Protein backbone atom coordinates (compact mmCIF):
# COMPACT_ATOMS: atom_id res chain seq x y z
CA UNK A 1 -27.57 23.74 1.17
CA UNK A 2 -27.70 21.43 -2.05
CA UNK A 3 -28.28 17.99 -1.74
CA UNK A 4 -25.16 16.52 -3.12
CA UNK A 5 -23.34 19.00 -0.49
CA UNK A 6 -25.00 17.03 2.05
CA UNK A 7 -24.26 13.51 1.10
CA UNK A 8 -20.32 14.90 0.20
CA UNK A 9 -20.36 16.00 3.88
CA UNK A 10 -21.69 12.79 5.20
CA UNK A 11 -19.37 10.43 3.32
CA UNK A 12 -16.24 12.62 4.81
CA UNK A 13 -17.63 12.69 8.36
CA UNK A 14 -18.17 9.06 8.34
CA UNK A 15 -14.55 8.45 7.56
CA UNK A 16 -13.41 11.05 9.88
CA UNK A 17 -15.30 9.38 12.77
CA UNK A 18 -14.08 6.22 12.00
CA UNK A 19 -10.44 7.57 11.62
CA UNK A 20 -10.97 9.69 15.28
CA UNK A 21 -12.12 6.50 17.19
CA UNK A 22 -9.90 4.43 15.55
CA UNK A 23 -12.26 1.88 14.39
CA UNK A 24 -11.56 -0.98 11.68
CA UNK A 25 -13.90 -0.74 8.58
CA UNK A 26 -15.49 -4.19 9.81
CA UNK A 27 -16.02 -3.06 13.16
CA UNK A 28 -17.69 0.93 11.75
CA UNK A 29 -19.69 -1.20 9.14
CA UNK A 30 -20.82 -3.23 12.22
CA UNK A 31 -22.06 0.05 14.04
CA UNK A 32 -23.74 1.68 11.01
CA UNK A 33 -25.46 -1.78 10.06
CA UNK A 34 -24.10 -2.10 6.70
CA UNK A 35 -21.80 -4.16 5.05
CA UNK A 36 -17.66 -3.53 4.94
CA UNK A 37 -18.27 -3.01 1.08
CA UNK A 38 -21.13 -0.22 1.58
CA UNK A 39 -18.55 1.42 3.72
CA UNK A 40 -16.09 1.64 1.48
CA UNK A 41 -18.35 3.02 -1.05
CA UNK A 42 -19.56 5.46 1.13
CA UNK A 43 -16.04 6.68 2.27
CA UNK A 44 -15.07 6.69 -1.38
CA UNK A 45 -17.84 9.24 -2.10
CA UNK A 46 -20.57 7.25 -3.31
CA UNK A 47 -23.76 6.57 -1.52
CA UNK A 48 -24.89 3.11 -2.72
CA UNK A 49 -28.81 3.55 -4.26
CA UNK A 50 -30.17 1.15 -1.29
CA UNK A 51 -28.54 2.96 1.79
CA UNK A 52 -31.07 3.79 4.45
CA UNK A 53 -31.62 6.84 6.09
CA UNK A 54 -31.26 4.48 9.24
CA UNK A 55 -27.65 4.59 8.73
CA UNK A 56 -27.69 8.33 10.16
CA UNK A 57 -29.66 7.11 13.51
CA UNK A 58 -27.22 4.60 14.38
CA UNK A 59 -24.23 6.68 13.98
CA UNK A 60 -26.32 9.37 16.02
CA UNK A 61 -26.85 6.43 18.23
CA UNK A 62 -22.88 5.07 18.89
CA UNK A 63 -21.56 8.46 18.44
CA UNK A 64 -24.08 10.98 19.78
CA UNK A 65 -23.70 13.39 16.50
CA UNK A 66 -27.45 14.28 15.19
CA UNK A 67 -28.29 13.53 11.64
CA UNK A 68 -28.40 16.86 10.78
CA UNK A 69 -24.92 17.61 11.90
CA UNK A 70 -23.46 15.01 9.96
CA UNK A 71 -25.34 16.35 6.76
CA UNK A 72 -24.51 20.36 7.27
CA UNK A 73 -21.15 20.44 7.98
CA UNK A 74 -17.40 18.53 8.29
CA UNK A 75 -16.57 17.36 11.67
């Protein structure tokens, strides 16, 4: 799978998880350890350059979804 496709899956899945759980942008950003502005960028399909892989592990810890699953397929 191409790296671009994986990150597009990630962006889609972040928004999907937030919507499924009924979380605000502010709450989801807090879970992910990022700013609301960064989360808005991610949901728009843009990964800011300084976004750390720790975001994947924070999502895993909170939602129980593996980093691999977040990248490889749409939820």
